[in-house]
PDB file of all heavy atoms in Angstrom:
ATOM      1  N   VAL A   1      17.666 -10.287   0.683  1.00  0.00           N
ATOM      2  CA  VAL A   1      17.239  -9.247   1.619  1.00  0.00           C
ATOM      3  C   VAL A   1      16.712  -9.863   2.907  1.00  0.00           C
ATOM      4  O   VAL A   1      15.926 -10.817   2.875  1.00  0.00           O
ATOM      5  CB  VAL A   1      16.150  -8.359   0.990  1.00  0.00           C
ATOM      6  CG1 VAL A   1      15.682  -7.295   1.975  1.00  0.00           C
ATOM      7  CG2 VAL A   1      16.657  -7.706  -0.291  1.00  0.00           C
ATOM      8  N   ASP A   2      17.144  -9.313   4.023  1.00  0.00           N
ATOM      9  CA  ASP A   2      16.577  -9.671   5.323  1.00  0.00           C
ATOM     10  C   ASP A   2      15.562  -8.589   5.688  1.00  0.00           C
ATOM     11  O   ASP A   2      15.912  -7.536   6.199  1.00  0.00           O
ATOM     12  CB  ASP A   2      17.676  -9.768   6.385  1.00  0.00           C
ATOM     13  CG  ASP A   2      17.140 -10.157   7.756  1.00  0.00           C
ATOM     14  OD1 ASP A   2      15.898 -10.279   7.901  1.00  0.00           O
ATOM     15  OD2 ASP A   2      17.953 -10.323   8.683  1.00  0.00           O
ATOM     16  N   PHE A   3      14.292  -8.860   5.395  1.00  0.00           N
ATOM     17  CA  PHE A   3      13.266  -7.840   5.591  1.00  0.00           C
ATOM     18  C   PHE A   3      12.985  -7.562   7.065  1.00  0.00           C
ATOM     19  O   PHE A   3      12.342  -6.561   7.394  1.00  0.00           O
ATOM     20  CB  PHE A   3      11.974  -8.238   4.869  1.00  0.00           C
ATOM     21  CG  PHE A   3      12.076  -8.163   3.371  1.00  0.00           C
ATOM     22  CD1 PHE A   3      12.106  -9.318   2.600  1.00  0.00           C
ATOM     23  CD2 PHE A   3      12.157  -6.942   2.730  1.00  0.00           C
ATOM     24  CE1 PHE A   3      12.209  -9.247   1.217  1.00  0.00           C
ATOM     25  CE2 PHE A   3      12.257  -6.850   1.351  1.00  0.00           C
ATOM     26  CZ  PHE A   3      12.284  -8.018   0.588  1.00  0.00           C
ATOM     27  N   ALA A   4      13.455  -8.426   7.948  1.00  0.00           N
ATOM     28  CA  ALA A   4      13.258  -8.200   9.383  1.00  0.00           C
ATOM     29  C   ALA A   4      14.344  -7.307   9.973  1.00  0.00           C
ATOM     30  O   ALA A   4      14.210  -6.826  11.104  1.00  0.00           O
ATOM     31  CB  ALA A   4      13.229  -9.535  10.127  1.00  0.00           C
ATOM     32  N   ASP A   5      15.420  -7.077   9.219  1.00  0.00           N
ATOM     33  CA  ASP A   5      16.547  -6.292   9.728  1.00  0.00           C
ATOM     34  C   ASP A   5      16.237  -4.795   9.616  1.00  0.00           C
ATOM     35  O   ASP A   5      16.115  -4.249   8.516  1.00  0.00           O
ATOM     36  CB  ASP A   5      17.816  -6.632   8.938  1.00  0.00           C
ATOM     37  CG  ASP A   5      19.091  -6.073   9.585  1.00  0.00           C
ATOM     38  OD1 ASP A   5      19.001  -4.988  10.196  1.00  0.00           O
ATOM     39  OD2 ASP A   5      20.144  -6.711   9.481  1.00  0.00           O
ATOM     40  N   THR A   6      16.103  -4.148  10.752  1.00  0.00           N
ATOM     41  CA  THR A   6      15.799  -2.706  10.779  1.00  0.00           C
ATOM     42  C   THR A   6      16.990  -1.898  11.277  1.00  0.00           C
ATOM     43  O   THR A   6      16.826  -0.808  11.815  1.00  0.00           O
ATOM     44  CB  THR A   6      14.573  -2.429  11.667  1.00  0.00           C
ATOM     45  OG1 THR A   6      14.857  -2.901  12.989  1.00  0.00           O
ATOM     46  CG2 THR A   6      13.340  -3.130  11.133  1.00  0.00           C
ATOM     47  N   SER A   7      18.198  -2.440  11.097  1.00  0.00           N
ATOM     48  CA  SER A   7      19.383  -1.770  11.641  1.00  0.00           C
ATOM     49  C   SER A   7      19.660  -0.438  10.943  1.00  0.00           C
ATOM     50  O   SER A   7      20.271   0.458  11.527  1.00  0.00           O
ATOM     51  CB  SER A   7      20.610  -2.684  11.542  1.00  0.00           C
ATOM     52  OG  SER A   7      20.848  -3.079  10.206  1.00  0.00           O
ATOM     53  N   VAL A   8      19.207  -0.274   9.697  1.00  0.00           N
ATOM     54  CA  VAL A   8      19.358   1.015   9.007  1.00  0.00           C
ATOM     55  C   VAL A   8      18.189   1.930   9.366  1.00  0.00           C
ATOM     56  O   VAL A   8      18.375   3.092   9.717  1.00  0.00           O
ATOM     57  CB  VAL A   8      19.445   0.828   7.477  1.00  0.00           C
ATOM     58  CG1 VAL A   8      19.555   2.183   6.771  1.00  0.00           C
ATOM     59  CG2 VAL A   8      20.632  -0.051   7.113  1.00  0.00           C
ATOM     60  N   THR A   9      16.979   1.390   9.291  1.00  0.00           N
ATOM     61  CA  THR A   9      15.766   2.155   9.621  1.00  0.00           C
ATOM     62  C   THR A   9      14.585   1.204   9.727  1.00  0.00           C
ATOM     63  O   THR A   9      14.587   0.126   9.120  1.00  0.00           O
ATOM     64  CB  THR A   9      15.471   3.215   8.537  1.00  0.00           C
ATOM     65  OG1 THR A   9      14.264   3.905   8.875  1.00  0.00           O
ATOM     66  CG2 THR A   9      15.293   2.602   7.170  1.00  0.00           C
ATOM     67  N   GLN A  10      13.564   1.619  10.474  1.00  0.00           N
ATOM     68  CA  GLN A  10      12.282   0.898  10.480  1.00  0.00           C
ATOM     69  C   GLN A  10      11.525   1.178   9.178  1.00  0.00           C
ATOM     70  O   GLN A  10      10.653   0.416   8.782  1.00  0.00           O
ATOM     71  CB  GLN A  10      11.422   1.382  11.656  1.00  0.00           C
ATOM     72  CG  GLN A  10      11.983   1.053  13.029  1.00  0.00           C
ATOM     73  CD  GLN A  10      11.286  -0.130  13.684  1.00  0.00           C
ATOM     74  OE1 GLN A  10      10.187  -0.506  13.305  1.00  0.00           O
ATOM     75  NE2 GLN A  10      11.933  -0.724  14.660  1.00  0.00           N
ATOM     76  N   ASN A  11      11.894   2.257   8.510  1.00  0.00           N
ATOM     77  CA  ASN A  11      11.162   2.722   7.328  1.00  0.00           C
ATOM     78  C   ASN A  11      11.788   2.186   6.038  1.00  0.00           C
ATOM     79  O   ASN A  11      12.056   2.934   5.105  1.00  0.00           O
ATOM     80  CB  ASN A  11      11.133   4.258   7.315  1.00  0.00           C
ATOM     81  CG  ASN A  11      10.193   4.818   6.259  1.00  0.00           C
ATOM     82  OD1 ASN A  11       9.138   4.250   5.998  1.00  0.00           O
ATOM     83  ND2 ASN A  11      10.583   5.929   5.662  1.00  0.00           N
ATOM     84  N   THR A  12      12.043   0.878   6.003  1.00  0.00           N
ATOM     85  CA  THR A  12      12.542   0.282   4.761  1.00  0.00           C
ATOM     86  C   THR A  12      11.412   0.299   3.721  1.00  0.00           C
ATOM     87  O   THR A  12      10.243   0.111   4.053  1.00  0.00           O
ATOM     88  CB  THR A  12      13.018  -1.158   5.001  1.00  0.00           C
ATOM     89  OG1 THR A  12      12.000  -1.885   5.711  1.00  0.00           O
ATOM     90  CG2 THR A  12      14.291  -1.177   5.829  1.00  0.00           C
ATOM     91  N   ARG A  13      11.783   0.522   2.459  1.00  0.00           N
ATOM     92  CA  ARG A  13      10.764   0.773   1.433  1.00  0.00           C
ATOM     93  C   ARG A  13      11.102   0.091   0.111  1.00  0.00           C
ATOM     94  O   ARG A  13      12.248  -0.264  -0.156  1.00  0.00           O
ATOM     95  CB  ARG A  13      10.678   2.278   1.150  1.00  0.00           C
ATOM     96  CG  ARG A  13      10.162   3.120   2.297  1.00  0.00           C
ATOM     97  CD  ARG A  13       8.674   3.264   2.245  1.00  0.00           C
ATOM     98  NE  ARG A  13       8.131   4.116   3.286  1.00  0.00           N
ATOM     99  CZ  ARG A  13       6.865   4.506   3.317  1.00  0.00           C
ATOM    100  NH1 ARG A  13       6.040   4.145   2.361  1.00  0.00           N
ATOM    101  NH2 ARG A  13       6.425   5.262   4.313  1.00  0.00           N
ATOM    102  N   VAL A  14      10.078  -0.038  -0.738  1.00  0.00           N
ATOM    103  CA  VAL A  14      10.281  -0.399  -2.139  1.00  0.00           C
ATOM    104  C   VAL A  14       9.375   0.486  -2.991  1.00  0.00           C
ATOM    105  O   VAL A  14       8.232   0.762  -2.625  1.00  0.00           O
ATOM    106  CB  VAL A  14       9.980  -1.890  -2.412  1.00  0.00           C
ATOM    107  CG1 VAL A  14       8.510  -2.243  -2.135  1.00  0.00           C
ATOM    108  CG2 VAL A  14      10.348  -2.269  -3.843  1.00  0.00           C
ATOM    109  N   SER A  15       9.923   0.976  -4.100  1.00  0.00           N
ATOM    110  CA  SER A  15       9.083   1.653  -5.101  1.00  0.00           C
ATOM    111  C   SER A  15       9.053   0.801  -6.353  1.00  0.00           C
ATOM    112  O   SER A  15      10.059   0.165  -6.705  1.00  0.00           O
ATOM    113  CB  SER A  15       9.611   3.060  -5.416  1.00  0.00           C
ATOM    114  OG  SER A  15      10.785   2.997  -6.197  1.00  0.00           O
ATOM    115  N   TYR A  16       7.906   0.782  -6.995  1.00  0.00           N
ATOM    116  CA  TYR A  16       7.780   0.032  -8.252  1.00  0.00           C
ATOM    117  C   TYR A  16       6.632   0.619  -9.064  1.00  0.00           C
ATOM    118  O   TYR A  16       5.686   1.191  -8.503  1.00  0.00           O
ATOM    119  CB  TYR A  16       7.542  -1.468  -8.000  1.00  0.00           C
ATOM    120  CG  TYR A  16       6.448  -1.779  -7.015  1.00  0.00           C
ATOM    121  CD1 TYR A  16       5.115  -1.861  -7.410  1.00  0.00           C
ATOM    122  CD2 TYR A  16       6.740  -2.005  -5.675  1.00  0.00           C
ATOM    123  CE1 TYR A  16       4.108  -2.146  -6.504  1.00  0.00           C
ATOM    124  CE2 TYR A  16       5.745  -2.282  -4.754  1.00  0.00           C
ATOM    125  CZ  TYR A  16       4.431  -2.357  -5.181  1.00  0.00           C
ATOM    126  OH  TYR A  16       3.433  -2.629  -4.265  1.00  0.00           O
ATOM    127  N   PRO A  17       6.700   0.504 -10.396  1.00  0.00           N
ATOM    128  CA  PRO A  17       5.587   0.979 -11.231  1.00  0.00           C
ATOM    129  C   PRO A  17       4.353   0.124 -10.969  1.00  0.00           C
ATOM    130  O   PRO A  17       4.458  -1.067 -10.668  1.00  0.00           O
ATOM    131  CB  PRO A  17       6.106   0.816 -12.658  1.00  0.00           C
ATOM    132  CG  PRO A  17       7.225  -0.164 -12.569  1.00  0.00           C
ATOM    133  CD  PRO A  17       7.802  -0.061 -11.198  1.00  0.00           C
ATOM    134  N   ILE A  18       3.177   0.738 -11.085  1.00  0.00           N
ATOM    135  CA  ILE A  18       1.946   0.032 -10.712  1.00  0.00           C
ATOM    136  C   ILE A  18       1.716  -1.213 -11.559  1.00  0.00           C
ATOM    137  O   ILE A  18       1.068  -2.166 -11.118  1.00  0.00           O
ATOM    138  CB  ILE A  18       0.727   0.987 -10.761  1.00  0.00           C
ATOM    139  CG1 ILE A  18      -0.440   0.419  -9.949  1.00  0.00           C
ATOM    140  CG2 ILE A  18       0.364   1.350 -12.197  1.00  0.00           C
ATOM    141  CD1 ILE A  18      -1.547   1.414  -9.658  1.00  0.00           C
ATOM    142  N   TYR A  19       2.292  -1.259 -12.765  1.00  0.00           N
ATOM    143  CA  TYR A  19       2.080  -2.446 -13.600  1.00  0.00           C
ATOM    144  C   TYR A  19       2.826  -3.678 -13.082  1.00  0.00           C
ATOM    145  O   TYR A  19       2.681  -4.774 -13.626  1.00  0.00           O
ATOM    146  CB  TYR A  19       2.410  -2.163 -15.071  1.00  0.00           C
ATOM    147  CG  TYR A  19       3.790  -1.618 -15.364  1.00  0.00           C
ATOM    148  CD1 TYR A  19       4.915  -2.448 -15.329  1.00  0.00           C
ATOM    149  CD2 TYR A  19       3.967  -0.284 -15.720  1.00  0.00           C
ATOM    150  CE1 TYR A  19       6.188  -1.954 -15.618  1.00  0.00           C
ATOM    151  CE2 TYR A  19       5.228   0.226 -16.007  1.00  0.00           C
ATOM    152  CZ  TYR A  19       6.330  -0.621 -15.956  1.00  0.00           C
ATOM    153  OH  TYR A  19       7.582  -0.129 -16.245  1.00  0.00           O
ATOM    154  N   HIS A  20       3.616  -3.525 -11.996  1.00  0.00           N
ATOM    155  CA  HIS A  20       4.171  -4.703 -11.325  1.00  0.00           C
ATOM    156  C   HIS A  20       3.103  -5.459 -10.529  1.00  0.00           C
ATOM    157  O   HIS A  20       3.338  -6.577 -10.087  1.00  0.00           O
ATOM    158  CB  HIS A  20       5.311  -4.300 -10.378  1.00  0.00           C
ATOM    159  CG  HIS A  20       6.619  -4.091 -11.080  1.00  0.00           C
ATOM    160  ND1 HIS A  20       7.833  -4.147 -10.436  1.00  0.00           N
ATOM    161  CD2 HIS A  20       6.917  -3.830 -12.376  1.00  0.00           C
ATOM    162  CE1 HIS A  20       8.814  -3.918 -11.285  1.00  0.00           C
ATOM    163  NE2 HIS A  20       8.283  -3.709 -12.473  1.00  0.00           N
ATOM    164  N   ILE A  21       1.936  -4.830 -10.325  1.00  0.00           N
ATOM    165  CA  ILE A  21       0.801  -5.476  -9.665  1.00  0.00           C
ATOM    166  C   ILE A  21      -0.131  -6.024 -10.745  1.00  0.00           C
ATOM    167  O   ILE A  21      -0.408  -5.342 -11.744  1.00  0.00           O
ATOM    168  CB  ILE A  21       0.035  -4.466  -8.779  1.00  0.00           C
ATOM    169  CG1 ILE A  21       0.953  -3.893  -7.692  1.00  0.00           C
ATOM    170  CG2 ILE A  21      -1.214  -5.095  -8.169  1.00  0.00           C
ATOM    171  CD1 ILE A  21       1.272  -4.822  -6.566  1.00  0.00           C
ATOM    172  N   ASP A  22      -0.633  -7.232 -10.550  1.00  0.00           N
ATOM    173  CA  ASP A  22      -1.459  -7.873 -11.583  1.00  0.00           C
ATOM    174  C   ASP A  22      -2.872  -7.294 -11.666  1.00  0.00           C
ATOM    175  O   ASP A  22      -3.338  -6.922 -12.735  1.00  0.00           O
ATOM    176  CB  ASP A  22      -1.557  -9.382 -11.320  1.00  0.00           C
ATOM    177  CG  ASP A  22      -0.215 -10.091 -11.510  1.00  0.00           C
ATOM    178  OD1 ASP A  22       0.593  -9.591 -12.317  1.00  0.00           O
ATOM    179  OD2 ASP A  22       0.019 -11.113 -10.846  1.00  0.00           O
ATOM    180  N   ASN A  23      -3.562  -7.217 -10.538  1.00  0.00           N
ATOM    181  CA  ASN A  23      -4.998  -6.915 -10.538  1.00  0.00           C
ATOM    182  C   ASN A  23      -5.232  -5.420 -10.368  1.00  0.00           C
ATOM    183  O   ASN A  23      -5.619  -4.943  -9.312  1.00  0.00           O
ATOM    184  CB  ASN A  23      -5.671  -7.703  -9.408  1.00  0.00           C
ATOM    185  CG  ASN A  23      -7.179  -7.758  -9.568  1.00  0.00           C
ATOM    186  OD1 ASN A  23      -7.696  -7.655 -10.680  1.00  0.00           O
ATOM    187  ND2 ASN A  23      -7.891  -7.907  -8.469  1.00  0.00           N
ATOM    188  N   ILE A  24      -4.997  -4.659 -11.452  1.00  0.00           N
ATOM    189  CA  ILE A  24      -5.116  -3.198 -11.363  1.00  0.00           C
ATOM    190  C   ILE A  24      -6.165  -2.679 -12.344  1.00  0.00           C
ATOM    191  O   ILE A  24      -6.446  -3.302 -13.374  1.00  0.00           O
ATOM    192  CB  ILE A  24      -3.771  -2.485 -11.631  1.00  0.00           C
ATOM    193  CG1 ILE A  24      -3.200  -2.858 -13.017  1.00  0.00           C
ATOM    194  CG2 ILE A  24      -2.772  -2.780 -10.529  1.00  0.00           C
ATOM    195  CD1 ILE A  24      -1.997  -2.033 -13.437  1.00  0.00           C
ATOM    196  N   GLN A  25      -6.705  -1.523 -11.994  1.00  0.00           N
ATOM    197  CA  GLN A  25      -7.658  -0.812 -12.850  1.00  0.00           C
ATOM    198  C   GLN A  25      -6.864   0.031 -13.839  1.00  0.00           C
ATOM    199  O   GLN A  25      -5.979   0.791 -13.443  1.00  0.00           O
ATOM    200  CB  GLN A  25      -8.547   0.070 -11.969  1.00  0.00           C
ATOM    201  CG  GLN A  25      -9.509   0.957 -12.715  1.00  0.00           C
ATOM    202  CD  GLN A  25     -10.794   0.263 -13.104  1.00  0.00           C
ATOM    203  OE1 GLN A  25     -10.830  -0.964 -13.192  1.00  0.00           O
ATOM    204  NE2 GLN A  25     -11.838   1.010 -13.348  1.00  0.00           N
ATOM    205  N   GLN A  26      -7.163  -0.107 -15.142  1.00  0.00           N
ATOM    206  CA  GLN A  26      -6.460   0.663 -16.165  1.00  0.00           C
ATOM    207  C   GLN A  26      -7.440   1.412 -17.054  1.00  0.00           C
ATOM    208  O   GLN A  26      -8.329   0.781 -17.626  1.00  0.00           O
ATOM    209  CB  GLN A  26      -5.583  -0.263 -17.013  1.00  0.00           C
ATOM    210  CG  GLN A  26      -4.417  -0.846 -16.241  1.00  0.00           C
ATOM    211  CD  GLN A  26      -3.555  -1.744 -17.102  1.00  0.00           C
ATOM    212  OE1 GLN A  26      -4.000  -2.783 -17.589  1.00  0.00           O
ATOM    213  NE2 GLN A  26      -2.317  -1.341 -17.298  1.00  0.00           N
ATOM    214  N   PRO A  27      -7.307   2.753 -17.179  1.00  0.00           N
ATOM    215  CA  PRO A  27      -6.414   3.612 -16.393  1.00  0.00           C
ATOM    216  C   PRO A  27      -6.853   3.649 -14.933  1.00  0.00           C
ATOM    217  O   PRO A  27      -7.906   3.111 -14.585  1.00  0.00           O
ATOM    218  CB  PRO A  27      -6.559   4.982 -17.068  1.00  0.00           C
ATOM    219  CG  PRO A  27      -7.929   4.951 -17.681  1.00  0.00           C
ATOM    220  CD  PRO A  27      -8.141   3.531 -18.120  1.00  0.00           C
ATOM    221  N   SER A  28      -6.050   4.299 -14.094  1.00  0.00           N
ATOM    222  CA  SER A  28      -6.266   4.263 -12.641  1.00  0.00           C
ATOM    223  C   SER A  28      -7.366   5.228 -12.215  1.00  0.00           C
ATOM    224  O   SER A  28      -7.145   6.182 -11.473  1.00  0.00           O
ATOM    225  CB  SER A  28      -4.961   4.605 -11.914  1.00  0.00           C
ATOM    226  OG  SER A  28      -3.938   3.727 -12.266  1.00  0.00           O
ATOM    227  N   ILE A  29      -8.571   4.956 -12.711  1.00  0.00           N
ATOM    228  CA  ILE A  29      -9.732   5.817 -12.450  1.00  0.00           C
ATOM    229  C   ILE A  29     -10.911   4.933 -12.056  1.00  0.00           C
ATOM    230  O   ILE A  29     -11.168   3.912 -12.697  1.00  0.00           O
ATOM    231  CB  ILE A  29     -10.106   6.646 -13.693  1.00  0.00           C
ATOM    232  CG1 ILE A  29      -8.928   7.505 -14.158  1.00  0.00           C
ATOM    233  CG2 ILE A  29     -11.322   7.529 -13.420  1.00  0.00           C
ATOM    234  CD1 ILE A  29      -9.157   8.201 -15.488  1.00  0.00           C
ATOM    235  N   GLY A  30     -11.614   5.319 -10.999  1.00  0.00           N
ATOM    236  CA  GLY A  30     -12.818   4.607 -10.591  1.00  0.00           C
ATOM    237  C   GLY A  30     -13.996   5.569 -10.589  1.00  0.00           C
ATOM    238  O   GLY A  30     -13.843   6.765 -10.332  1.00  0.00           O
ATOM    239  N   LYS A  31     -15.170   5.043 -10.862  1.00  0.00           N
ATOM    240  CA  LYS A  31     -16.381   5.855 -10.843  1.00  0.00           C
ATOM    241  C   LYS A  31     -17.290   5.401  -9.710  1.00  0.00           C
ATOM    242  O   LYS A  31     -17.094   4.346  -9.117  1.00  0.00           O
ATOM    243  CB  LYS A  31     -17.098   5.752 -12.196  1.00  0.00           C
ATOM    244  CG  LYS A  31     -16.263   6.290 -13.356  1.00  0.00           C
ATOM    245  CD  LYS A  31     -16.984   6.190 -14.680  1.00  0.00           C
ATOM    246  CE  LYS A  31     -16.107   6.754 -15.805  1.00  0.00           C
ATOM    247  NZ  LYS A  31     -16.777   6.647 -17.125  1.00  0.00           N
ATOM    248  N   ASN A  32     -18.294   6.261  -9.401  1.00  0.00           N
ATOM    249  CA  ASN A  32     -19.345   5.871  -8.478  1.00  0.00           C
ATOM    250  C   ASN A  32     -18.819   5.438  -7.106  1.00  0.00           C
ATOM    251  O   ASN A  32     -19.039   4.306  -6.687  1.00  0.00           O
ATOM    252  CB  ASN A  32     -20.153   4.729  -9.125  1.00  0.00           C
ATOM    253  CG  ASN A  32     -21.517   4.558  -8.506  1.00  0.00           C
ATOM    254  OD1 ASN A  32     -22.039   5.478  -7.882  1.00  0.00           O
ATOM    255  ND2 ASN A  32     -22.090   3.387  -8.654  1.00  0.00           N
ATOM    256  N   PRO A  33     -18.129   6.310  -6.368  1.00  0.00           N
ATOM    257  CA  PRO A  33     -17.701   5.955  -5.005  1.00  0.00           C
ATOM    258  C   PRO A  33     -18.929   5.707  -4.133  1.00  0.00           C
ATOM    259  O   PRO A  33     -19.847   6.528  -4.099  1.00  0.00           O
ATOM    260  CB  PRO A  33     -16.946   7.202  -4.527  1.00  0.00           C
ATOM    261  CG  PRO A  33     -16.651   7.985  -5.752  1.00  0.00           C
ATOM    262  CD  PRO A  33     -17.717   7.664  -6.742  1.00  0.00           C
ATOM    263  N   LYS A  34     -18.945   4.576  -3.449  1.00  0.00           N
ATOM    264  CA  LYS A  34     -20.110   4.221  -2.641  1.00  0.00           C
ATOM    265  C   LYS A  34     -19.766   3.972  -1.174  1.00  0.00           C
ATOM    266  O   LYS A  34     -20.646   4.029  -0.327  1.00  0.00           O
ATOM    267  CB  LYS A  34     -20.801   2.977  -3.224  1.00  0.00           C
ATOM    268  CG  LYS A  34     -21.672   3.286  -4.432  1.00  0.00           C
ATOM    269  CD  LYS A  34     -22.797   4.232  -4.056  1.00  0.00           C
ATOM    270  CE  LYS A  34     -23.620   4.683  -5.258  1.00  0.00           C
ATOM    271  NZ  LYS A  34     -24.526   5.789  -4.914  1.00  0.00           N
ATOM    272  N   ASN A  35     -18.505   3.631  -0.888  1.00  0.00           N
ATOM    273  CA  ASN A  35     -18.130   3.353   0.496  1.00  0.00           C
ATOM    274  C   ASN A  35     -16.756   3.933   0.805  1.00  0.00           C
ATOM    275  O   ASN A  35     -15.820   3.786   0.014  1.00  0.00           O
ATOM    276  CB  ASN A  35     -18.111   1.842   0.764  1.00  0.00           C
ATOM    277  CG  ASN A  35     -19.499   1.245   0.794  1.00  0.00           C
ATOM    278  OD1 ASN A  35     -20.201   1.338   1.793  1.00  0.00           O
ATOM    279  ND2 ASN A  35     -19.912   0.643  -0.323  1.00  0.00           N
ATOM    280  N   ILE A  36     -16.671   4.603   1.959  1.00  0.00           N
ATOM    281  CA  ILE A  36     -15.407   5.116   2.461  1.00  0.00           C
ATOM    282  C   ILE A  36     -15.148   4.451   3.806  1.00  0.00           C
ATOM    283  O   ILE A  36     -16.050   4.369   4.650  1.00  0.00           O
ATOM    284  CB  ILE A  36     -15.447   6.642   2.643  1.00  0.00           C
ATOM    285  CG1 ILE A  36     -15.623   7.341   1.295  1.00  0.00           C
ATOM    286  CG2 ILE A  36     -14.181   7.148   3.333  1.00  0.00           C
ATOM    287  CD1 ILE A  36     -15.826   8.847   1.408  1.00  0.00           C
ATOM    288  N   PHE A  37     -13.918   3.982   3.989  1.00  0.00           N
ATOM    289  CA  PHE A  37     -13.531   3.350   5.248  1.00  0.00           C
ATOM    290  C   PHE A  37     -12.429   4.171   5.913  1.00  0.00           C
ATOM    291  O   PHE A  37     -11.389   4.426   5.299  1.00  0.00           O
ATOM    292  CB  PHE A  37     -13.033   1.924   5.001  1.00  0.00           C
ATOM    293  CG  PHE A  37     -14.081   1.019   4.391  1.00  0.00           C
ATOM    294  CD1 PHE A  37     -14.140   0.848   3.011  1.00  0.00           C
ATOM    295  CD2 PHE A  37     -15.001   0.355   5.182  1.00  0.00           C
ATOM    296  CE1 PHE A  37     -15.107   0.028   2.435  1.00  0.00           C
ATOM    297  CE2 PHE A  37     -15.972  -0.465   4.619  1.00  0.00           C
ATOM    298  CZ  PHE A  37     -16.027  -0.631   3.239  1.00  0.00           C
ATOM    299  N   PHE A  38     -12.674   4.607   7.139  1.00  0.00           N
ATOM    300  CA  PHE A  38     -11.637   5.203   7.972  1.00  0.00           C
ATOM    301  C   PHE A  38     -11.073   4.084   8.846  1.00  0.00           C
ATOM    302  O   PHE A  38     -11.790   3.545   9.700  1.00  0.00           O
ATOM    303  CB  PHE A  38     -12.199   6.302   8.877  1.00  0.00           C
ATOM    304  CG  PHE A  38     -12.736   7.512   8.168  1.00  0.00           C
ATOM    305  CD1 PHE A  38     -13.607   8.375   8.821  1.00  0.00           C
ATOM    306  CD2 PHE A  38     -12.376   7.811   6.864  1.00  0.00           C
ATOM    307  CE1 PHE A  38     -14.107   9.509   8.186  1.00  0.00           C
ATOM    308  CE2 PHE A  38     -12.870   8.929   6.225  1.00  0.00           C
ATOM    309  CZ  PHE A  38     -13.738   9.784   6.881  1.00  0.00           C
ATOM    310  N   LEU A  39      -9.826   3.736   8.633  1.00  0.00           N
ATOM    311  CA  LEU A  39      -9.199   2.636   9.371  1.00  0.00           C
ATOM    312  C   LEU A  39      -8.424   3.189  10.560  1.00  0.00           C
ATOM    313  O   LEU A  39      -7.658   4.132  10.424  1.00  0.00           O
ATOM    314  CB  LEU A  39      -8.254   1.855   8.455  1.00  0.00           C
ATOM    315  CG  LEU A  39      -8.855   1.333   7.145  1.00  0.00           C
ATOM    316  CD1 LEU A  39      -7.774   0.675   6.290  1.00  0.00           C
ATOM    317  CD2 LEU A  39      -9.993   0.357   7.410  1.00  0.00           C
ATOM    318  N   THR A  40      -8.629   2.598  11.718  1.00  0.00           N
ATOM    319  CA  THR A  40      -7.896   2.998  12.915  1.00  0.00           C
ATOM    320  C   THR A  40      -7.488   1.753  13.688  1.00  0.00           C
ATOM    321  O   THR A  40      -8.245   0.782  13.743  1.00  0.00           O
ATOM    322  CB  THR A  40      -8.741   3.926  13.804  1.00  0.00           C
ATOM    323  OG1 THR A  40      -7.993   4.288  14.950  1.00  0.00           O
ATOM    324  CG2 THR A  40     -10.043   3.269  14.234  1.00  0.00           C
ATOM    325  N   ALA A  41      -6.290   1.761  14.232  1.00  0.00           N
ATOM    326  CA  ALA A  41      -5.841   0.664  15.094  1.00  0.00           C
ATOM    327  C   ALA A  41      -5.913   1.170  16.532  1.00  0.00           C
ATOM    328  O   ALA A  41      -4.940   1.690  17.070  1.00  0.00           O
ATOM    329  CB  ALA A  41      -4.425   0.226  14.729  1.00  0.00           C
ATOM    330  N   ASP A  42      -7.104   1.060  17.108  1.00  0.00           N
ATOM    331  CA  ASP A  42      -7.335   1.581  18.455  1.00  0.00           C
ATOM    332  C   ASP A  42      -6.769   0.617  19.495  1.00  0.00           C
ATOM    333  O   ASP A  42      -7.368  -0.412  19.792  1.00  0.00           O
ATOM    334  CB  ASP A  42      -8.829   1.793  18.687  1.00  0.00           C
ATOM    335  CG  ASP A  42      -9.140   2.250  20.098  1.00  0.00           C
ATOM    336  OD1 ASP A  42      -8.238   2.864  20.715  1.00  0.00           O
ATOM    337  OD2 ASP A  42     -10.252   1.986  20.585  1.00  0.00           O
ATOM    338  N   ALA A  43      -5.610   0.956  20.037  1.00  0.00           N
ATOM    339  CA  ALA A  43      -4.949   0.090  21.014  1.00  0.00           C
ATOM    340  C   ALA A  43      -5.580   0.179  22.406  1.00  0.00           C
ATOM    341  O   ALA A  43      -5.193  -0.546  23.316  1.00  0.00           O
ATOM    342  CB  ALA A  43      -3.460   0.421  21.091  1.00  0.00           C
ATOM    343  N   PHE A  44      -6.564   1.074  22.575  1.00  0.00           N
ATOM    344  CA  PHE A  44      -7.287   1.154  23.844  1.00  0.00           C
ATOM    345  C   PHE A  44      -8.425   0.125  23.899  1.00  0.00           C
ATOM    346  O   PHE A  44      -9.019  -0.090  24.949  1.00  0.00           O
ATOM    347  CB  PHE A  44      -7.865   2.558  24.055  1.00  0.00           C
ATOM    348  CG  PHE A  44      -6.813   3.612  24.222  1.00  0.00           C
ATOM    349  CD1 PHE A  44      -6.396   4.373  23.150  1.00  0.00           C
ATOM    350  CD2 PHE A  44      -6.215   3.842  25.453  1.00  0.00           C
ATOM    351  CE1 PHE A  44      -5.419   5.349  23.286  1.00  0.00           C
ATOM    352  CE2 PHE A  44      -5.241   4.813  25.603  1.00  0.00           C
ATOM    353  CZ  PHE A  44      -4.834   5.566  24.523  1.00  0.00           C
TER     354      PHE A  44
END
């Protein structure tokens, strides 16, 4: 795969089951939310 090639679309994608990632919470549930981050790429 040439991941830099966007001749079909800029929106190239991959889907995979979460167990393809090593460091995951099982089951996918977290308790005690303490911090929320709103991320913005402010180009100004």
